[in-house]
Amino acid sequence: MDKARINSILSNDEKIDVFYQDRSVWIQGVSNHIAKVGFIDTFEEEDVLIDDLYEKK
């Protein structure tokens, strides 16, 4: 995923499924090449590389 797509997702009102290592996440914010994500299935938060986020088709 790239920064432009993440910004599009963050500004969109509809739910868009985003994944990191096969786990569903919600994007809390983005800075340079790092995104702060929260995992849907737990209360964990993690800083991850934007390139490691993806959408399932």
PDB file of N, CA and C in Angstrom:
ATOM      1  N   MET A   1       0.858  -1.166   0.000  1.00  0.00           N
ATOM      2  CA  MET A   1       0.000   0.000   0.000  1.00  0.00           C
ATOM      3  C   MET A   1       0.902   1.226   0.000  1.00  0.00           C
ATOM      4  N   ASP A   2       0.399   2.324  -0.532  1.00  0.00           N
ATOM      5  CA  ASP A   2       1.195   3.545  -0.524  1.00  0.00           C
ATOM      6  C   ASP A   2       0.498   4.634   0.283  1.00  0.00           C
ATOM      7  N   LYS A   3       1.221   5.706   0.533  1.00  0.00           N
ATOM      8  CA  LYS A   3       0.722   6.787   1.400  1.00  0.00           C
ATOM      9  C   LYS A   3      -0.532   7.443   0.821  1.00  0.00           C
ATOM     10  N   ALA A   4      -0.602   7.589  -0.493  1.00  0.00           N
ATOM     11  CA  ALA A   4      -1.780   8.190  -1.125  1.00  0.00           C
ATOM     12  C   ALA A   4      -3.031   7.343  -0.861  1.00  0.00           C
ATOM     13  N   ARG A   5      -2.893   6.020  -0.949  1.00  0.00           N
ATOM     14  CA  ARG A   5      -4.037   5.138  -0.704  1.00  0.00           C
ATOM     15  C   ARG A   5      -4.456   5.211   0.764  1.00  0.00           C
ATOM     16  N   ILE A   6      -3.495   5.247   1.667  1.00  0.00           N
ATOM     17  CA  ILE A   6      -3.824   5.360   3.095  1.00  0.00           C
ATOM     18  C   ILE A   6      -4.566   6.660   3.370  1.00  0.00           C
ATOM     19  N   ASN A   7      -4.111   7.760   2.791  1.00  0.00           N
ATOM     20  CA  ASN A   7      -4.805   9.037   2.977  1.00  0.00           C
ATOM     21  C   ASN A   7      -6.213   8.975   2.410  1.00  0.00           C
ATOM     22  N   SER A   8      -6.394   8.272   1.295  1.00  0.00           N
ATOM     23  CA  SER A   8      -7.722   8.092   0.719  1.00  0.00           C
ATOM     24  C   SER A   8      -8.624   7.304   1.670  1.00  0.00           C
ATOM     25  N   ILE A   9      -8.083   6.258   2.261  1.00  0.00           N
ATOM     26  CA  ILE A   9      -8.846   5.445   3.223  1.00  0.00           C
ATOM     27  C   ILE A   9      -9.214   6.274   4.453  1.00  0.00           C
ATOM     28  N   LEU A  10      -8.259   7.046   4.967  1.00  0.00           N
ATOM     29  CA  LEU A  10      -8.516   7.847   6.164  1.00  0.00           C
ATOM     30  C   LEU A  10      -9.564   8.925   5.928  1.00  0.00           C
ATOM     31  N   SER A  11      -9.660   9.435   4.711  1.00  0.00           N
ATOM     32  CA  SER A  11     -10.628  10.499   4.427  1.00  0.00           C
ATOM     33  C   SER A  11     -11.968   9.953   3.939  1.00  0.00           C
ATOM     34  N   ASN A  12     -12.079   8.641   3.813  1.00  0.00           N
ATOM     35  CA  ASN A  12     -13.288   8.005   3.312  1.00  0.00           C
ATOM     36  C   ASN A  12     -14.183   7.609   4.483  1.00  0.00           C
ATOM     37  N   ASP A  13     -15.488   7.826   4.352  1.00  0.00           N
ATOM     38  CA  ASP A  13     -16.435   7.488   5.418  1.00  0.00           C
ATOM     39  C   ASP A  13     -16.818   6.010   5.434  1.00  0.00           C
ATOM     40  N   GLU A  14     -16.632   5.312   4.320  1.00  0.00           N
ATOM     41  CA  GLU A  14     -17.040   3.905   4.292  1.00  0.00           C
ATOM     42  C   GLU A  14     -15.948   3.006   4.870  1.00  0.00           C
ATOM     43  N   LYS A  15     -16.350   1.826   5.318  1.00  0.00           N
ATOM     44  CA  LYS A  15     -15.413   0.879   5.923  1.00  0.00           C
ATOM     45  C   LYS A  15     -14.601   0.203   4.826  1.00  0.00           C
ATOM     46  N   ILE A  16     -13.304   0.242   4.961  1.00  0.00           N
ATOM     47  CA  ILE A  16     -12.401  -0.410   4.025  1.00  0.00           C
ATOM     48  C   ILE A  16     -11.511  -1.350   4.826  1.00  0.00           C
ATOM     49  N   ASP A  17     -11.520  -2.613   4.461  1.00  0.00           N
ATOM     50  CA  ASP A  17     -10.746  -3.615   5.192  1.00  0.00           C
ATOM     51  C   ASP A  17      -9.276  -3.517   4.823  1.00  0.00           C
ATOM     52  N   VAL A  18      -8.450  -3.301   5.838  1.00  0.00           N
ATOM     53  CA  VAL A  18      -7.002  -3.213   5.675  1.00  0.00           C
ATOM     54  C   VAL A  18      -6.372  -4.280   6.562  1.00  0.00           C
ATOM     55  N   PHE A  19      -5.310  -4.895   6.058  1.00  0.00           N
ATOM     56  CA  PHE A  19      -4.681  -6.004   6.766  1.00  0.00           C
ATOM     57  C   PHE A  19      -3.183  -5.795   6.924  1.00  0.00           C
ATOM     58  N   TYR A  20      -2.659  -6.376   7.996  1.00  0.00           N
ATOM     59  CA  TYR A  20      -1.226  -6.448   8.256  1.00  0.00           C
ATOM     60  C   TYR A  20      -0.948  -7.858   8.741  1.00  0.00           C
ATOM     61  N   GLN A  21      -0.134  -8.586   8.031  1.00  0.00           N
ATOM     62  CA  GLN A  21       0.198  -9.979   8.364  1.00  0.00           C
ATOM     63  C   GLN A  21      -1.060 -10.808   8.609  1.00  0.00           C
ATOM     64  N   ASP A  22      -2.007 -10.716   7.687  1.00  0.00           N
ATOM     65  CA  ASP A  22      -3.277 -11.462   7.729  1.00  0.00           C
ATOM     66  C   ASP A  22      -4.163 -11.120   8.914  1.00  0.00           C
ATOM     67  N   ARG A  23      -3.892 -10.007   9.594  1.00  0.00           N
ATOM     68  CA  ARG A  23      -4.746  -9.544  10.688  1.00  0.00           C
ATOM     69  C   ARG A  23      -5.398  -8.224  10.281  1.00  0.00           C
ATOM     70  N   SER A  24      -6.674  -8.115  10.559  1.00  0.00           N
ATOM     71  CA  SER A  24      -7.414  -6.906  10.240  1.00  0.00           C
ATOM     72  C   SER A  24      -6.988  -5.774  11.175  1.00  0.00           C
ATOM     73  N   VAL A  25      -6.734  -4.596  10.589  1.00  0.00           N
ATOM     74  CA  VAL A  25      -6.289  -3.448  11.376  1.00  0.00           C
ATOM     75  C   VAL A  25      -7.092  -2.213  10.997  1.00  0.00           C
ATOM     76  N   TRP A  26      -7.067  -1.226  11.873  1.00  0.00           N
ATOM     77  CA  TRP A  26      -7.570   0.101  11.525  1.00  0.00           C
ATOM     78  C   TRP A  26      -6.395   1.064  11.644  1.00  0.00           C
ATOM     79  N   ILE A  27      -6.327   1.966  10.704  1.00  0.00           N
ATOM     80  CA  ILE A  27      -5.199   2.900  10.637  1.00  0.00           C
ATOM     81  C   ILE A  27      -5.514   4.101  11.509  1.00  0.00           C
ATOM     82  N   GLN A  28      -4.639   4.368  12.474  1.00  0.00           N
ATOM     83  CA  GLN A  28      -4.834   5.487  13.386  1.00  0.00           C
ATOM     84  C   GLN A  28      -4.163   6.752  12.875  1.00  0.00           C
ATOM     85  N   GLY A  29      -3.084   6.591  12.137  1.00  0.00           N
ATOM     86  CA  GLY A  29      -2.366   7.744  11.620  1.00  0.00           C
ATOM     87  C   GLY A  29      -1.190   7.296  10.778  1.00  0.00           C
ATOM     88  N   VAL A  30      -0.606   8.264  10.092  1.00  0.00           N
ATOM     89  CA  VAL A  30       0.510   7.942   9.210  1.00  0.00           C
ATOM     90  C   VAL A  30       1.541   9.056   9.269  1.00  0.00           C
ATOM     91  N   SER A  31       2.811   8.666   9.245  1.00  0.00           N
ATOM     92  CA  SER A  31       3.906   9.620   9.266  1.00  0.00           C
ATOM     93  C   SER A  31       5.041   9.045   8.428  1.00  0.00           C
ATOM     94  N   ASN A  32       5.423   9.752   7.381  1.00  0.00           N
ATOM     95  CA  ASN A  32       6.457   9.280   6.454  1.00  0.00           C
ATOM     96  C   ASN A  32       6.101   7.893   5.930  1.00  0.00           C
ATOM     97  N   HIS A  33       6.896   6.886   6.245  1.00  0.00           N
ATOM     98  CA  HIS A  33       6.658   5.529   5.743  1.00  0.00           C
ATOM     99  C   HIS A  33       6.110   4.605   6.812  1.00  0.00           C
ATOM    100  N   ILE A  34       5.657   5.181   7.929  1.00  0.00           N
ATOM    101  CA  ILE A  34       5.169   4.396   9.065  1.00  0.00           C
ATOM    102  C   ILE A  34       3.693   4.720   9.327  1.00  0.00           C
ATOM    103  N   ALA A  35       2.914   3.669   9.567  1.00  0.00           N
ATOM    104  CA  ALA A  35       1.511   3.838   9.947  1.00  0.00           C
ATOM    105  C   ALA A  35       1.325   3.281  11.351  1.00  0.00           C
ATOM    106  N   LYS A  36       0.576   3.992  12.160  1.00  0.00           N
ATOM    107  CA  LYS A  36       0.195   3.473  13.484  1.00  0.00           C
ATOM    108  C   LYS A  36      -1.134   2.764  13.284  1.00  0.00           C
ATOM    109  N   VAL A  37      -1.167   1.473  13.627  1.00  0.00           N
ATOM    110  CA  VAL A  37      -2.377   0.688  13.437  1.00  0.00           C
ATOM    111  C   VAL A  37      -2.824   0.085  14.748  1.00  0.00           C
ATOM    112  N   GLY A  38      -4.111  -0.145  14.828  1.00  0.00           N
ATOM    113  CA  GLY A  38      -4.698  -0.897  15.930  1.00  0.00           C
ATOM    114  C   GLY A  38      -5.261  -2.181  15.360  1.00  0.00           C
ATOM    115  N   PHE A  39      -5.062  -3.281  16.070  1.00  0.00           N
ATOM    116  CA  PHE A  39      -5.566  -4.563  15.603  1.00  0.00           C
ATOM    117  C   PHE A  39      -7.024  -4.728  16.020  1.00  0.00           C
ATOM    118  N   ILE A  40      -7.864  -5.162  15.079  1.00  0.00           N
ATOM    119  CA  ILE A  40      -9.298  -5.282  15.319  1.00  0.00           C
ATOM    120  C   ILE A  40      -9.587  -6.356  16.371  1.00  0.00           C
ATOM    121  N   ASP A  41      -8.799  -7.434  16.376  1.00  0.00           N
ATOM    122  CA  ASP A  41      -9.092  -8.559  17.259  1.00  0.00           C
ATOM    123  C   ASP A  41      -8.512  -8.423  18.668  1.00  0.00           C
ATOM    124  N   THR A  42      -7.714  -7.391  18.921  1.00  0.00           N
ATOM    125  CA  THR A  42      -7.135  -7.184  20.252  1.00  0.00           C
ATOM    126  C   THR A  42      -7.043  -5.680  20.508  1.00  0.00           C
ATOM    127  N   PHE A  43      -6.499  -5.323  21.636  1.00  0.00           N
ATOM    128  CA  PHE A  43      -6.278  -3.906  21.933  1.00  0.00           C
ATOM    129  C   PHE A  43      -4.858  -3.476  21.598  1.00  0.00           C
ATOM    130  N   GLU A  44      -4.119  -4.323  20.874  1.00  0.00           N
ATOM    131  CA  GLU A  44      -2.740  -4.021  20.513  1.00  0.00           C
ATOM    132  C   GLU A  44      -2.670  -2.869  19.515  1.00  0.00           C
ATOM    133  N   GLU A  45      -1.609  -2.109  19.624  1.00  0.00           N
ATOM    134  CA  GLU A  45      -1.275  -1.084  18.641  1.00  0.00           C
ATOM    135  C   GLU A  45       0.164  -1.308  18.224  1.00  0.00           C
ATOM    136  N   GLU A  46       0.477  -0.944  16.984  1.00  0.00           N
ATOM    137  CA  GLU A  46       1.834  -1.155  16.499  1.00  0.00           C
ATOM    138  C   GLU A  46       2.141  -0.150  15.396  1.00  0.00           C
ATOM    139  N   ASP A  47       3.400   0.259  15.308  1.00  0.00           N
ATOM    140  CA  ASP A  47       3.877   1.063  14.195  1.00  0.00           C
ATOM    141  C   ASP A  47       4.414   0.109  13.144  1.00  0.00           C
ATOM    142  N   VAL A  48       3.892   0.200  11.916  1.00  0.00           N
ATOM    143  CA  VAL A  48       4.279  -0.723  10.852  1.00  0.00           C
ATOM    144  C   VAL A  48       4.642   0.067   9.598  1.00  0.00           C
ATOM    145  N   LEU A  49       5.389  -0.566   8.721  1.00  0.00           N
ATOM    146  CA  LEU A  49       5.705   0.055   7.435  1.00  0.00           C
ATOM    147  C   LEU A  49       4.454   0.108   6.571  1.00  0.00           C
ATOM    148  N   ILE A  50       4.245   1.234   5.917  1.00  0.00           N
ATOM    149  CA  ILE A  50       3.102   1.396   5.022  1.00  0.00           C
ATOM    150  C   ILE A  50       3.087   0.308   3.958  1.00  0.00           C
ATOM    151  N   ASP A  51       4.254  -0.047   3.444  1.00  0.00           N
ATOM    152  CA  ASP A  51       4.358  -1.060   2.392  1.00  0.00           C
ATOM    153  C   ASP A  51       3.845  -2.426   2.838  1.00  0.00           C
ATOM    154  N   ASP A  52       3.774  -2.665   4.152  1.00  0.00           N
ATOM    155  CA  ASP A  52       3.335  -3.967   4.657  1.00  0.00           C
ATOM    156  C   ASP A  52       1.818  -4.051   4.847  1.00  0.00           C
ATOM    157  N   LEU A  53       1.100  -2.961   4.636  1.00  0.00           N
ATOM    158  CA  LEU A  53      -0.359  -2.959   4.727  1.00  0.00           C
ATOM    159  C   LEU A  53      -0.936  -3.318   3.362  1.00  0.00           C
ATOM    160  N   TYR A  54      -2.089  -3.990   3.373  1.00  0.00           N
ATOM    161  CA  TYR A  54      -2.704  -4.354   2.099  1.00  0.00           C
ATOM    162  C   TYR A  54      -4.212  -4.525   2.264  1.00  0.00           C
ATOM    163  N   GLU A  55      -4.879  -4.512   1.118  1.00  0.00           N
ATOM    164  CA  GLU A  55      -6.314  -4.779   1.051  1.00  0.00           C
ATOM    165  C   GLU A  55      -6.495  -6.117   0.356  1.00  0.00           C
ATOM    166  N   LYS A  56      -7.455  -6.913   0.819  1.00  0.00           N
ATOM    167  CA  LYS A  56      -7.762  -8.164   0.134  1.00  0.00           C
ATOM    168  C   LYS A  56      -8.792  -7.871  -0.941  1.00  0.00           C
ATOM    169  N   LYS A  57      -8.599  -8.467  -2.083  1.00  0.00           N
ATOM    170  CA  LYS A  57      -9.515  -8.245  -3.207  1.00  0.00           C
ATOM    171  C   LYS A  57     -10.708  -9.165  -3.120  1.00  0.00           C
TER     172      LYS A  57
END
